[in-house]
Amino acid sequence: MTDDRLSYLLDVWREWIRQTDHRHELGYPSTAAGIRYRGGTDFETMADSMDMTHALAVDAAIDSLEPLERRAVHHVLIRSQWASSIPLQDVFARARDMLKITLHRRGIE
């Protein structure tokens, strides 16, 4: 997976996480996403469905990170609190590397 592709997937996740009414806000864990294509009549509907599938897969991959890496992703992408003596850029780079591996294992390229 290229850096640009991972950045795109993280952007899709960031937009999804900013929406309201998420299952995880109710205390439900994220789960690995399978193909959840909702058939439609146009390309935009198909693209939206794939974005949702990718957002769920990225959410599950982020949840699988070690706590420090997960906090780095949240800090960089959704501006949560960062409190660590380890430089953010180092931890975020490690998190990106791990996300590439995890998403590849889940079939997301």
PDB file of N, CA and C in Angstrom:
ATOM      1  N   MET A   1       0.850  -1.172   0.000  1.00  0.00           N
ATOM      2  CA  MET A   1       0.000   0.000   0.000  1.00  0.00           C
ATOM      3  C   MET A   1       0.896   1.235   0.000  1.00  0.00           C
ATOM      4  N   THR A   2       0.575   2.175  -0.845  1.00  0.00           N
ATOM      5  CA  THR A   2       1.372   3.401  -0.917  1.00  0.00           C
ATOM      6  C   THR A   2       0.982   4.352   0.213  1.00  0.00           C
ATOM      7  N   ASP A   3       1.872   5.304   0.472  1.00  0.00           N
ATOM      8  CA  ASP A   3       1.565   6.330   1.471  1.00  0.00           C
ATOM      9  C   ASP A   3       0.341   7.145   1.070  1.00  0.00           C
ATOM     10  N   ASP A   4       0.221   7.445  -0.222  1.00  0.00           N
ATOM     11  CA  ASP A   4      -0.935   8.215  -0.694  1.00  0.00           C
ATOM     12  C   ASP A   4      -2.238   7.459  -0.478  1.00  0.00           C
ATOM     13  N   ARG A   5      -2.221   6.152  -0.745  1.00  0.00           N
ATOM     14  CA  ARG A   5      -3.429   5.341  -0.556  1.00  0.00           C
ATOM     15  C   ARG A   5      -3.811   5.291   0.928  1.00  0.00           C
ATOM     16  N   LEU A   6      -2.826   5.091   1.806  1.00  0.00           N
ATOM     17  CA  LEU A   6      -3.124   5.091   3.233  1.00  0.00           C
ATOM     18  C   LEU A   6      -3.666   6.444   3.674  1.00  0.00           C
ATOM     19  N   SER A   7      -3.086   7.524   3.179  1.00  0.00           N
ATOM     20  CA  SER A   7      -3.586   8.864   3.528  1.00  0.00           C
ATOM     21  C   SER A   7      -5.032   9.030   3.088  1.00  0.00           C
ATOM     22  N   TYR A   8      -5.365   8.530   1.890  1.00  0.00           N
ATOM     23  CA  TYR A   8      -6.743   8.602   1.407  1.00  0.00           C
ATOM     24  C   TYR A   8      -7.675   7.820   2.338  1.00  0.00           C
ATOM     25  N   LEU A   9      -7.286   6.599   2.698  1.00  0.00           N
ATOM     26  CA  LEU A   9      -8.122   5.781   3.576  1.00  0.00           C
ATOM     27  C   LEU A   9      -8.290   6.426   4.954  1.00  0.00           C
ATOM     28  N   LEU A  10      -7.236   7.044   5.457  1.00  0.00           N
ATOM     29  CA  LEU A  10      -7.342   7.739   6.744  1.00  0.00           C
ATOM     30  C   LEU A  10      -8.246   8.965   6.633  1.00  0.00           C
ATOM     31  N   ASP A  11      -8.231   9.633   5.490  1.00  0.00           N
ATOM     32  CA  ASP A  11      -9.150  10.760   5.274  1.00  0.00           C
ATOM     33  C   ASP A  11     -10.598  10.285   5.242  1.00  0.00           C
ATOM     34  N   VAL A  12     -10.834   9.146   4.579  1.00  0.00           N
ATOM     35  CA  VAL A  12     -12.183   8.565   4.545  1.00  0.00           C
ATOM     36  C   VAL A  12     -12.625   8.246   5.968  1.00  0.00           C
ATOM     37  N   TRP A  13     -11.726   7.649   6.761  1.00  0.00           N
ATOM     38  CA  TRP A  13     -12.051   7.325   8.152  1.00  0.00           C
ATOM     39  C   TRP A  13     -12.348   8.581   8.956  1.00  0.00           C
ATOM     40  N   ARG A  14     -11.520   9.622   8.768  1.00  0.00           N
ATOM     41  CA  ARG A  14     -11.716  10.867   9.522  1.00  0.00           C
ATOM     42  C   ARG A  14     -13.092  11.461   9.222  1.00  0.00           C
ATOM     43  N   GLU A  15     -13.480  11.464   7.965  1.00  0.00           N
ATOM     44  CA  GLU A  15     -14.803  12.000   7.624  1.00  0.00           C
ATOM     45  C   GLU A  15     -15.912  11.142   8.225  1.00  0.00           C
ATOM     46  N   TRP A  16     -15.722   9.837   8.209  1.00  0.00           N
ATOM     47  CA  TRP A  16     -16.717   8.928   8.774  1.00  0.00           C
ATOM     48  C   TRP A  16     -16.814   9.113  10.286  1.00  0.00           C
ATOM     49  N   ILE A  17     -15.674   9.248  10.952  1.00  0.00           N
ATOM     50  CA  ILE A  17     -15.678   9.356  12.412  1.00  0.00           C
ATOM     51  C   ILE A  17     -16.321  10.674  12.866  1.00  0.00           C
ATOM     52  N   ARG A  18     -16.289  11.670  12.023  1.00  0.00           N
ATOM     53  CA  ARG A  18     -16.886  12.968  12.370  1.00  0.00           C
ATOM     54  C   ARG A  18     -18.402  12.967  12.240  1.00  0.00           C
ATOM     55  N   GLN A  19     -18.935  11.980  11.556  1.00  0.00           N
ATOM     56  CA  GLN A  19     -20.384  11.885  11.433  1.00  0.00           C
ATOM     57  C   GLN A  19     -20.974  11.483  12.776  1.00  0.00           C
ATOM     58  N   THR A  20     -22.236  11.718  12.945  1.00  0.00           N
ATOM     59  CA  THR A  20     -22.900  11.355  14.199  1.00  0.00           C
ATOM     60  C   THR A  20     -23.436   9.929  14.127  1.00  0.00           C
ATOM     61  N   ASP A  21     -23.873   9.422  15.281  1.00  0.00           N
ATOM     62  CA  ASP A  21     -24.555   8.139  15.383  1.00  0.00           C
ATOM     63  C   ASP A  21     -23.677   6.955  15.009  1.00  0.00           C
ATOM     64  N   HIS A  22     -22.557   6.837  15.691  1.00  0.00           N
ATOM     65  CA  HIS A  22     -21.684   5.691  15.487  1.00  0.00           C
ATOM     66  C   HIS A  22     -21.959   4.636  16.539  1.00  0.00           C
ATOM     67  N   ARG A  23     -21.843   3.373  16.130  1.00  0.00           N
ATOM     68  CA  ARG A  23     -22.037   2.274  17.075  1.00  0.00           C
ATOM     69  C   ARG A  23     -21.054   2.357  18.232  1.00  0.00           C
ATOM     70  N   HIS A  24     -19.787   2.761  17.929  1.00  0.00           N
ATOM     71  CA  HIS A  24     -18.770   2.778  18.979  1.00  0.00           C
ATOM     72  C   HIS A  24     -19.058   3.830  20.040  1.00  0.00           C
ATOM     73  N   GLU A  25     -19.865   4.828  19.701  1.00  0.00           N
ATOM     74  CA  GLU A  25     -20.228   5.824  20.712  1.00  0.00           C
ATOM     75  C   GLU A  25     -21.196   5.226  21.731  1.00  0.00           C
ATOM     76  N   LEU A  26     -21.810   4.112  21.357  1.00  0.00           N
ATOM     77  CA  LEU A  26     -22.734   3.431  22.257  1.00  0.00           C
ATOM     78  C   LEU A  26     -22.041   2.330  23.037  1.00  0.00           C
ATOM     79  N   GLY A  27     -20.722   2.207  22.837  1.00  0.00           N
ATOM     80  CA  GLY A  27     -19.966   1.208  23.566  1.00  0.00           C
ATOM     81  C   GLY A  27     -19.728  -0.078  22.811  1.00  0.00           C
ATOM     82  N   TYR A  28     -20.184  -0.166  21.571  1.00  0.00           N
ATOM     83  CA  TYR A  28     -19.949  -1.372  20.788  1.00  0.00           C
ATOM     84  C   TYR A  28     -18.553  -1.324  20.187  1.00  0.00           C
ATOM     85  N   PRO A  29     -17.846  -2.456  20.160  1.00  0.00           N
ATOM     86  CA  PRO A  29     -16.495  -2.463  19.575  1.00  0.00           C
ATOM     87  C   PRO A  29     -16.548  -2.378  18.062  1.00  0.00           C
ATOM     88  N   SER A  30     -15.466  -1.891  17.479  1.00  0.00           N
ATOM     89  CA  SER A  30     -15.347  -1.915  16.026  1.00  0.00           C
ATOM     90  C   SER A  30     -15.080  -3.350  15.604  1.00  0.00           C
ATOM     91  N   THR A  31     -15.538  -3.685  14.432  1.00  0.00           N
ATOM     92  CA  THR A  31     -15.305  -5.030  13.917  1.00  0.00           C
ATOM     93  C   THR A  31     -14.661  -4.929  12.555  1.00  0.00           C
ATOM     94  N   ALA A  32     -14.000  -5.986  12.173  1.00  0.00           N
ATOM     95  CA  ALA A  32     -13.399  -6.023  10.847  1.00  0.00           C
ATOM     96  C   ALA A  32     -14.513  -5.989   9.817  1.00  0.00           C
ATOM     97  N   ALA A  33     -14.304  -5.186   8.811  1.00  0.00           N
ATOM     98  CA  ALA A  33     -15.329  -5.028   7.785  1.00  0.00           C
ATOM     99  C   ALA A  33     -15.112  -6.034   6.661  1.00  0.00           C
ATOM    100  N   GLY A  34     -16.172  -6.680   6.259  1.00  0.00           N
ATOM    101  CA  GLY A  34     -16.148  -7.470   5.035  1.00  0.00           C
ATOM    102  C   GLY A  34     -16.693  -6.582   3.940  1.00  0.00           C
ATOM    103  N   ILE A  35     -16.939  -7.121   2.803  1.00  0.00           N
ATOM    104  CA  ILE A  35     -17.525  -6.319   1.735  1.00  0.00           C
ATOM    105  C   ILE A  35     -18.983  -6.072   2.102  1.00  0.00           C
ATOM    106  N   ARG A  36     -19.328  -4.841   2.206  1.00  0.00           N
ATOM    107  CA  ARG A  36     -20.683  -4.460   2.575  1.00  0.00           C
ATOM    108  C   ARG A  36     -21.283  -3.590   1.475  1.00  0.00           C
ATOM    109  N   TYR A  37     -21.210  -4.063   0.266  1.00  0.00           N
ATOM    110  CA  TYR A  37     -21.711  -3.273  -0.852  1.00  0.00           C
ATOM    111  C   TYR A  37     -23.227  -3.231  -0.834  1.00  0.00           C
ATOM    112  N   ARG A  38     -23.758  -2.048  -0.815  1.00  0.00           N
ATOM    113  CA  ARG A  38     -25.196  -1.856  -0.925  1.00  0.00           C
ATOM    114  C   ARG A  38     -25.475  -1.499  -2.377  1.00  0.00           C
ATOM    115  N   GLY A  39     -26.132  -2.386  -3.048  1.00  0.00           N
ATOM    116  CA  GLY A  39     -26.399  -2.180  -4.473  1.00  0.00           C
ATOM    117  C   GLY A  39     -27.153  -0.890  -4.716  1.00  0.00           C
ATOM    118  N   GLY A  40     -26.804  -0.243  -5.769  1.00  0.00           N
ATOM    119  CA  GLY A  40     -27.468   0.997  -6.139  1.00  0.00           C
ATOM    120  C   GLY A  40     -27.467   1.132  -7.640  1.00  0.00           C
ATOM    121  N   THR A  41     -28.032   2.190  -8.091  1.00  0.00           N
ATOM    122  CA  THR A  41     -28.157   2.362  -9.531  1.00  0.00           C
ATOM    123  C   THR A  41     -27.115   3.290 -10.111  1.00  0.00           C
ATOM    124  N   ASP A  42     -26.301   3.894  -9.280  1.00  0.00           N
ATOM    125  CA  ASP A  42     -25.325   4.828  -9.836  1.00  0.00           C
ATOM    126  C   ASP A  42     -23.949   4.643  -9.202  1.00  0.00           C
ATOM    127  N   PHE A  43     -22.981   5.222  -9.841  1.00  0.00           N
ATOM    128  CA  PHE A  43     -21.600   5.104  -9.390  1.00  0.00           C
ATOM    129  C   PHE A  43     -21.410   5.733  -8.020  1.00  0.00           C
ATOM    130  N   GLU A  44     -22.054   6.853  -7.765  1.00  0.00           N
ATOM    131  CA  GLU A  44     -21.889   7.544  -6.480  1.00  0.00           C
ATOM    132  C   GLU A  44     -22.356   6.676  -5.316  1.00  0.00           C
ATOM    133  N   THR A  45     -23.444   5.971  -5.488  1.00  0.00           N
ATOM    134  CA  THR A  45     -23.936   5.075  -4.450  1.00  0.00           C
ATOM    135  C   THR A  45     -22.925   3.968  -4.180  1.00  0.00           C
ATOM    136  N   MET A  46     -22.363   3.403  -5.256  1.00  0.00           N
ATOM    137  CA  MET A  46     -21.362   2.359  -5.114  1.00  0.00           C
ATOM    138  C   MET A  46     -20.114   2.898  -4.403  1.00  0.00           C
ATOM    139  N   ALA A  47     -19.661   4.083  -4.786  1.00  0.00           N
ATOM    140  CA  ALA A  47     -18.471   4.677  -4.176  1.00  0.00           C
ATOM    141  C   ALA A  47     -18.715   4.963  -2.699  1.00  0.00           C
ATOM    142  N   ASP A  48     -19.889   5.469  -2.353  1.00  0.00           N
ATOM    143  CA  ASP A  48     -20.226   5.721  -0.945  1.00  0.00           C
ATOM    144  C   ASP A  48     -20.219   4.424  -0.139  1.00  0.00           C
ATOM    145  N   SER A  49     -20.725   3.367  -0.730  1.00  0.00           N
ATOM    146  CA  SER A  49     -20.748   2.075  -0.062  1.00  0.00           C
ATOM    147  C   SER A  49     -19.335   1.570   0.189  1.00  0.00           C
ATOM    148  N   MET A  50     -18.456   1.707  -0.786  1.00  0.00           N
ATOM    149  CA  MET A  50     -17.071   1.277  -0.608  1.00  0.00           C
ATOM    150  C   MET A  50     -16.352   2.145   0.416  1.00  0.00           C
ATOM    151  N   ASP A  51     -16.639   3.445   0.422  1.00  0.00           N
ATOM    152  CA  ASP A  51     -16.044   4.322   1.439  1.00  0.00           C
ATOM    153  C   ASP A  51     -16.452   3.874   2.838  1.00  0.00           C
ATOM    154  N   MET A  52     -17.711   3.483   3.011  1.00  0.00           N
ATOM    155  CA  MET A  52     -18.177   3.006   4.312  1.00  0.00           C
ATOM    156  C   MET A  52     -17.451   1.726   4.695  1.00  0.00           C
ATOM    157  N   THR A  53     -17.307   0.819   3.752  1.00  0.00           N
ATOM    158  CA  THR A  53     -16.582  -0.430   4.000  1.00  0.00           C
ATOM    159  C   THR A  53     -15.145  -0.131   4.410  1.00  0.00           C
ATOM    160  N   HIS A  54     -14.498   0.773   3.690  1.00  0.00           N
ATOM    161  CA  HIS A  54     -13.118   1.133   4.007  1.00  0.00           C
ATOM    162  C   HIS A  54     -13.027   1.828   5.366  1.00  0.00           C
ATOM    163  N   ALA A  55     -13.965   2.710   5.665  1.00  0.00           N
ATOM    164  CA  ALA A  55     -13.944   3.407   6.958  1.00  0.00           C
ATOM    165  C   ALA A  55     -14.062   2.414   8.108  1.00  0.00           C
ATOM    166  N   LEU A  56     -14.926   1.426   7.966  1.00  0.00           N
ATOM    167  CA  LEU A  56     -15.083   0.415   9.016  1.00  0.00           C
ATOM    168  C   LEU A  56     -13.819  -0.428   9.163  1.00  0.00           C
ATOM    169  N   ALA A  57     -13.187  -0.766   8.040  1.00  0.00           N
ATOM    170  CA  ALA A  57     -11.945  -1.548   8.098  1.00  0.00           C
ATOM    171  C   ALA A  57     -10.831  -0.740   8.751  1.00  0.00           C
ATOM    172  N   VAL A  58     -10.727   0.543   8.408  1.00  0.00           N
ATOM    173  CA  VAL A  58      -9.703   1.404   9.004  1.00  0.00           C
ATOM    174  C   VAL A  58      -9.978   1.573  10.493  1.00  0.00           C
ATOM    175  N   ASP A  59     -11.238   1.735  10.865  1.00  0.00           N
ATOM    176  CA  ASP A  59     -11.589   1.871  12.279  1.00  0.00           C
ATOM    177  C   ASP A  59     -11.158   0.637  13.064  1.00  0.00           C
ATOM    178  N   ALA A  60     -11.423  -0.537  12.529  1.00  0.00           N
ATOM    179  CA  ALA A  60     -11.015  -1.772  13.198  1.00  0.00           C
ATOM    180  C   ALA A  60      -9.489  -1.875  13.257  1.00  0.00           C
ATOM    181  N   ALA A  61      -8.817  -1.470  12.192  1.00  0.00           N
ATOM    182  CA  ALA A  61      -7.344  -1.516  12.172  1.00  0.00           C
ATOM    183  C   ALA A  61      -6.762  -0.556  13.204  1.00  0.00           C
ATOM    184  N   ILE A  62      -7.332   0.629  13.308  1.00  0.00           N
ATOM    185  CA  ILE A  62      -6.865   1.593  14.308  1.00  0.00           C
ATOM    186  C   ILE A  62      -7.091   1.038  15.711  1.00  0.00           C
ATOM    187  N   ASP A  63      -8.252   0.428  15.930  1.00  0.00           N
ATOM    188  CA  ASP A  63      -8.536  -0.167  17.236  1.00  0.00           C
ATOM    189  C   ASP A  63      -7.556  -1.273  17.600  1.00  0.00           C
ATOM    190  N   SER A  64      -6.963  -1.919  16.592  1.00  0.00           N
ATOM    191  CA  SER A  64      -6.040  -3.020  16.856  1.00  0.00           C
ATOM    192  C   SER A  64      -4.616  -2.543  17.165  1.00  0.00           C
ATOM    193  N   LEU A  65      -4.356  -1.253  16.990  1.00  0.00           N
ATOM    194  CA  LEU A  65      -3.027  -0.717  17.284  1.00  0.00           C
ATOM    195  C   LEU A  65      -2.765  -0.716  18.791  1.00  0.00           C
ATOM    196  N   GLU A  66      -1.490  -0.658  19.135  1.00  0.00           N
ATOM    197  CA  GLU A  66      -1.125  -0.461  20.538  1.00  0.00           C
ATOM    198  C   GLU A  66      -1.671   0.901  20.980  1.00  0.00           C
ATOM    199  N   PRO A  67      -1.949   1.074  22.281  1.00  0.00           N
ATOM    200  CA  PRO A  67      -2.569   2.322  22.744  1.00  0.00           C
ATOM    201  C   PRO A  67      -1.818   3.601  22.337  1.00  0.00           C
ATOM    202  N   LEU A  68      -0.503   3.611  22.405  1.00  0.00           N
ATOM    203  CA  LEU A  68       0.249   4.818  22.061  1.00  0.00           C
ATOM    204  C   LEU A  68       0.087   5.169  20.581  1.00  0.00           C
ATOM    205  N   GLU A  69       0.169   4.154  19.713  1.00  0.00           N
ATOM    206  CA  GLU A  69      -0.003   4.390  18.282  1.00  0.00           C
ATOM    207  C   GLU A  69      -1.439   4.826  17.969  1.00  0.00           C
ATOM    208  N   ARG A  70      -2.398   4.206  18.644  1.00  0.00           N
ATOM    209  CA  ARG A  70      -3.804   4.587  18.443  1.00  0.00           C
ATOM    210  C   ARG A  70      -4.026   6.043  18.841  1.00  0.00           C
ATOM    211  N   ARG A  71      -3.440   6.449  19.978  1.00  0.00           N
ATOM    212  CA  ARG A  71      -3.583   7.855  20.411  1.00  0.00           C
ATOM    213  C   ARG A  71      -2.924   8.802  19.411  1.00  0.00           C
ATOM    214  N   ALA A  72      -1.808   8.395  18.826  1.00  0.00           N
ATOM    215  CA  ALA A  72      -1.138   9.249  17.834  1.00  0.00           C
ATOM    216  C   ALA A  72      -2.029   9.449  16.618  1.00  0.00           C
ATOM    217  N   VAL A  73      -2.651   8.380  16.153  1.00  0.00           N
ATOM    218  CA  VAL A  73      -3.566   8.502  15.004  1.00  0.00           C
ATOM    219  C   VAL A  73      -4.718   9.434  15.363  1.00  0.00           C
ATOM    220  N   HIS A  74      -5.301   9.236  16.518  1.00  0.00           N
ATOM    221  CA  HIS A  74      -6.420  10.094  16.935  1.00  0.00           C
ATOM    222  C   HIS A  74      -5.977  11.549  17.077  1.00  0.00           C
ATOM    223  N   HIS A  75      -4.791  11.771  17.619  1.00  0.00           N
ATOM    224  CA  HIS A  75      -4.318  13.141  17.787  1.00  0.00           C
ATOM    225  C   HIS A  75      -4.124  13.820  16.433  1.00  0.00           C
ATOM    226  N   VAL A  76      -3.461  13.152  15.519  1.00  0.00           N
ATOM    227  CA  VAL A  76      -3.164  13.753  14.217  1.00  0.00           C
ATOM    228  C   VAL A  76      -4.444  13.958  13.406  1.00  0.00           C
ATOM    229  N   LEU A  77      -5.352  12.997  13.431  1.00  0.00           N
ATOM    230  CA  LEU A  77      -6.503  13.052  12.531  1.00  0.00           C
ATOM    231  C   LEU A  77      -7.746  13.694  13.123  1.00  0.00           C
ATOM    232  N   ILE A  78      -7.948  13.541  14.424  1.00  0.00           N
ATOM    233  CA  ILE A  78      -9.165  14.130  15.004  1.00  0.00           C
ATOM    234  C   ILE A  78      -8.875  15.029  16.196  1.00  0.00           C
ATOM    235  N   ARG A  79      -7.608  15.383  16.341  1.00  0.00           N
ATOM    236  CA  ARG A  79      -7.175  16.387  17.312  1.00  0.00           C
ATOM    237  C   ARG A  79      -7.464  16.028  18.759  1.00  0.00           C
ATOM    238  N   SER A  80      -7.268  14.767  19.108  1.00  0.00           N
ATOM    239  CA  SER A  80      -7.411  14.390  20.509  1.00  0.00           C
ATOM    240  C   SER A  80      -6.137  14.764  21.263  1.00  0.00           C
ATOM    241  N   GLN A  81      -6.138  14.542  22.548  1.00  0.00           N
ATOM    242  CA  GLN A  81      -5.022  14.945  23.402  1.00  0.00           C
ATOM    243  C   GLN A  81      -3.789  14.087  23.154  1.00  0.00           C
ATOM    244  N   TRP A  82      -2.600  14.702  23.129  1.00  0.00           N
ATOM    245  CA  TRP A  82      -1.329  13.974  23.040  1.00  0.00           C
ATOM    246  C   TRP A  82      -0.513  14.279  24.282  1.00  0.00           C
ATOM    247  N   ALA A  83      -0.200  13.246  25.043  1.00  0.00           N
ATOM    248  CA  ALA A  83       0.617  13.422  26.246  1.00  0.00           C
ATOM    249  C   ALA A  83       1.606  12.264  26.316  1.00  0.00           C
ATOM    250  N   SER A  84       2.761  12.476  25.732  1.00  0.00           N
ATOM    251  CA  SER A  84       3.797  11.450  25.758  1.00  0.00           C
ATOM    252  C   SER A  84       5.143  12.118  25.560  1.00  0.00           C
ATOM    253  N   SER A  85       6.165  11.536  26.166  1.00  0.00           N
ATOM    254  CA  SER A  85       7.515  12.072  25.969  1.00  0.00           C
ATOM    255  C   SER A  85       8.115  11.591  24.651  1.00  0.00           C
ATOM    256  N   ILE A  86       7.497  10.601  24.030  1.00  0.00           N
ATOM    257  CA  ILE A  86       7.965  10.095  22.737  1.00  0.00           C
ATOM    258  C   ILE A  86       7.446  11.037  21.655  1.00  0.00           C
ATOM    259  N   PRO A  87       8.305  11.452  20.726  1.00  0.00           N
ATOM    260  CA  PRO A  87       7.876  12.386  19.686  1.00  0.00           C
ATOM    261  C   PRO A  87       6.693  11.860  18.862  1.00  0.00           C
ATOM    262  N   LEU A  88       5.696  12.698  18.703  1.00  0.00           N
ATOM    263  CA  LEU A  88       4.483  12.335  17.972  1.00  0.00           C
ATOM    264  C   LEU A  88       4.799  11.814  16.577  1.00  0.00           C
ATOM    265  N   GLN A  89       5.692  12.484  15.855  1.00  0.00           N
ATOM    266  CA  GLN A  89       5.959  12.075  14.472  1.00  0.00           C
ATOM    267  C   GLN A  89       6.522  10.657  14.405  1.00  0.00           C
ATOM    268  N   ASP A  90       7.301  10.240  15.406  1.00  0.00           N
ATOM    269  CA  ASP A  90       7.839   8.878  15.428  1.00  0.00           C
ATOM    270  C   ASP A  90       6.731   7.852  15.653  1.00  0.00           C
ATOM    271  N   VAL A  91       5.872   8.146  16.595  1.00  0.00           N
ATOM    272  CA  VAL A  91       4.791   7.217  16.921  1.00  0.00           C
ATOM    273  C   VAL A  91       3.794   7.146  15.771  1.00  0.00           C
ATOM    274  N   PHE A  92       3.465   8.285  15.174  1.00  0.00           N
ATOM    275  CA  PHE A  92       2.515   8.301  14.060  1.00  0.00           C
ATOM    276  C   PHE A  92       3.086   7.548  12.861  1.00  0.00           C
ATOM    277  N   ALA A  93       4.370   7.678  12.589  1.00  0.00           N
ATOM    278  CA  ALA A  93       5.002   6.933  11.491  1.00  0.00           C
ATOM    279  C   ALA A  93       4.908   5.430  11.749  1.00  0.00           C
ATOM    280  N   ARG A  94       5.148   5.013  12.987  1.00  0.00           N
ATOM    281  CA  ARG A  94       5.009   3.596  13.350  1.00  0.00           C
ATOM    282  C   ARG A  94       3.572   3.127  13.166  1.00  0.00           C
ATOM    283  N   ALA A  95       2.630   3.967  13.569  1.00  0.00           N
ATOM    284  CA  ALA A  95       1.216   3.619  13.431  1.00  0.00           C
ATOM    285  C   ALA A  95       0.848   3.448  11.960  1.00  0.00           C
ATOM    286  N   ARG A  96       1.321   4.347  11.113  1.00  0.00           N
ATOM    287  CA  ARG A  96       1.040   4.240   9.675  1.00  0.00           C
ATOM    288  C   ARG A  96       1.605   2.936   9.115  1.00  0.00           C
ATOM    289  N   ASP A  97       2.819   2.582   9.512  1.00  0.00           N
ATOM    290  CA  ASP A  97       3.415   1.329   9.042  1.00  0.00           C
ATOM    291  C   ASP A  97       2.570   0.128   9.469  1.00  0.00           C
ATOM    292  N   MET A  98       2.121   0.143  10.713  1.00  0.00           N
ATOM    293  CA  MET A  98       1.299  -0.960  11.211  1.00  0.00           C
ATOM    294  C   MET A  98      -0.068  -0.999  10.516  1.00  0.00           C
ATOM    295  N   LEU A  99      -0.627   0.165  10.234  1.00  0.00           N
ATOM    296  CA  LEU A  99      -1.914   0.198   9.541  1.00  0.00           C
ATOM    297  C   LEU A  99      -1.802  -0.375   8.134  1.00  0.00           C
ATOM    298  N   LYS A 100      -0.709  -0.090   7.455  1.00  0.00           N
ATOM    299  CA  LYS A 100      -0.507  -0.666   6.117  1.00  0.00           C
ATOM    300  C   LYS A 100      -0.528  -2.186   6.180  1.00  0.00           C
ATOM    301  N   ILE A 101       0.164  -2.743   7.158  1.00  0.00           N
ATOM    302  CA  ILE A 101       0.221  -4.197   7.312  1.00  0.00           C
ATOM    303  C   ILE A 101      -1.151  -4.757   7.661  1.00  0.00           C
ATOM    304  N   THR A 102      -1.798  -4.151   8.636  1.00  0.00           N
ATOM    305  CA  THR A 102      -3.104  -4.634   9.092  1.00  0.00           C
ATOM    306  C   THR A 102      -4.149  -4.550   7.991  1.00  0.00           C
ATOM    307  N   LEU A 103      -4.197  -3.429   7.284  1.00  0.00           N
ATOM    308  CA  LEU A 103      -5.181  -3.287   6.212  1.00  0.00           C
ATOM    309  C   LEU A 103      -4.903  -4.260   5.075  1.00  0.00           C
ATOM    310  N   HIS A 104      -3.639  -4.490   4.767  1.00  0.00           N
ATOM    311  CA  HIS A 104      -3.282  -5.475   3.736  1.00  0.00           C
ATOM    312  C   HIS A 104      -3.796  -6.860   4.141  1.00  0.00           C
ATOM    313  N   ARG A 105      -3.612  -7.222   5.400  1.00  0.00           N
ATOM    314  CA  ARG A 105      -4.111  -8.520   5.894  1.00  0.00           C
ATOM    315  C   ARG A 105      -5.622  -8.623   5.796  1.00  0.00           C
ATOM    316  N   ARG A 106      -6.294  -7.485   5.871  1.00  0.00           N
ATOM    317  CA  ARG A 106      -7.759  -7.473   5.787  1.00  0.00           C
ATOM    318  C   ARG A 106      -8.258  -7.327   4.352  1.00  0.00           C
ATOM    319  N   GLY A 107      -7.318  -7.326   3.415  1.00  0.00           N
ATOM    320  CA  GLY A 107      -7.709  -7.270   2.009  1.00  0.00           C
ATOM    321  C   GLY A 107      -7.971  -5.869   1.472  1.00  0.00           C
ATOM    322  N   ILE A 108      -7.542  -4.859   2.208  1.00  0.00           N
ATOM    323  CA  ILE A 108      -7.739  -3.483   1.767  1.00  0.00           C
ATOM    324  C   ILE A 108      -6.418  -2.999   1.164  1.00  0.00           C
ATOM    325  N   GLU A 109      -6.460  -2.682  -0.096  1.00  0.00           N
ATOM    326  CA  GLU A 109      -5.255  -2.200  -0.800  1.00  0.00           C
ATOM    327  C   GLU A 109      -5.465  -0.796  -1.291  1.00  0.00           C
TER     328      GLU A 109
END
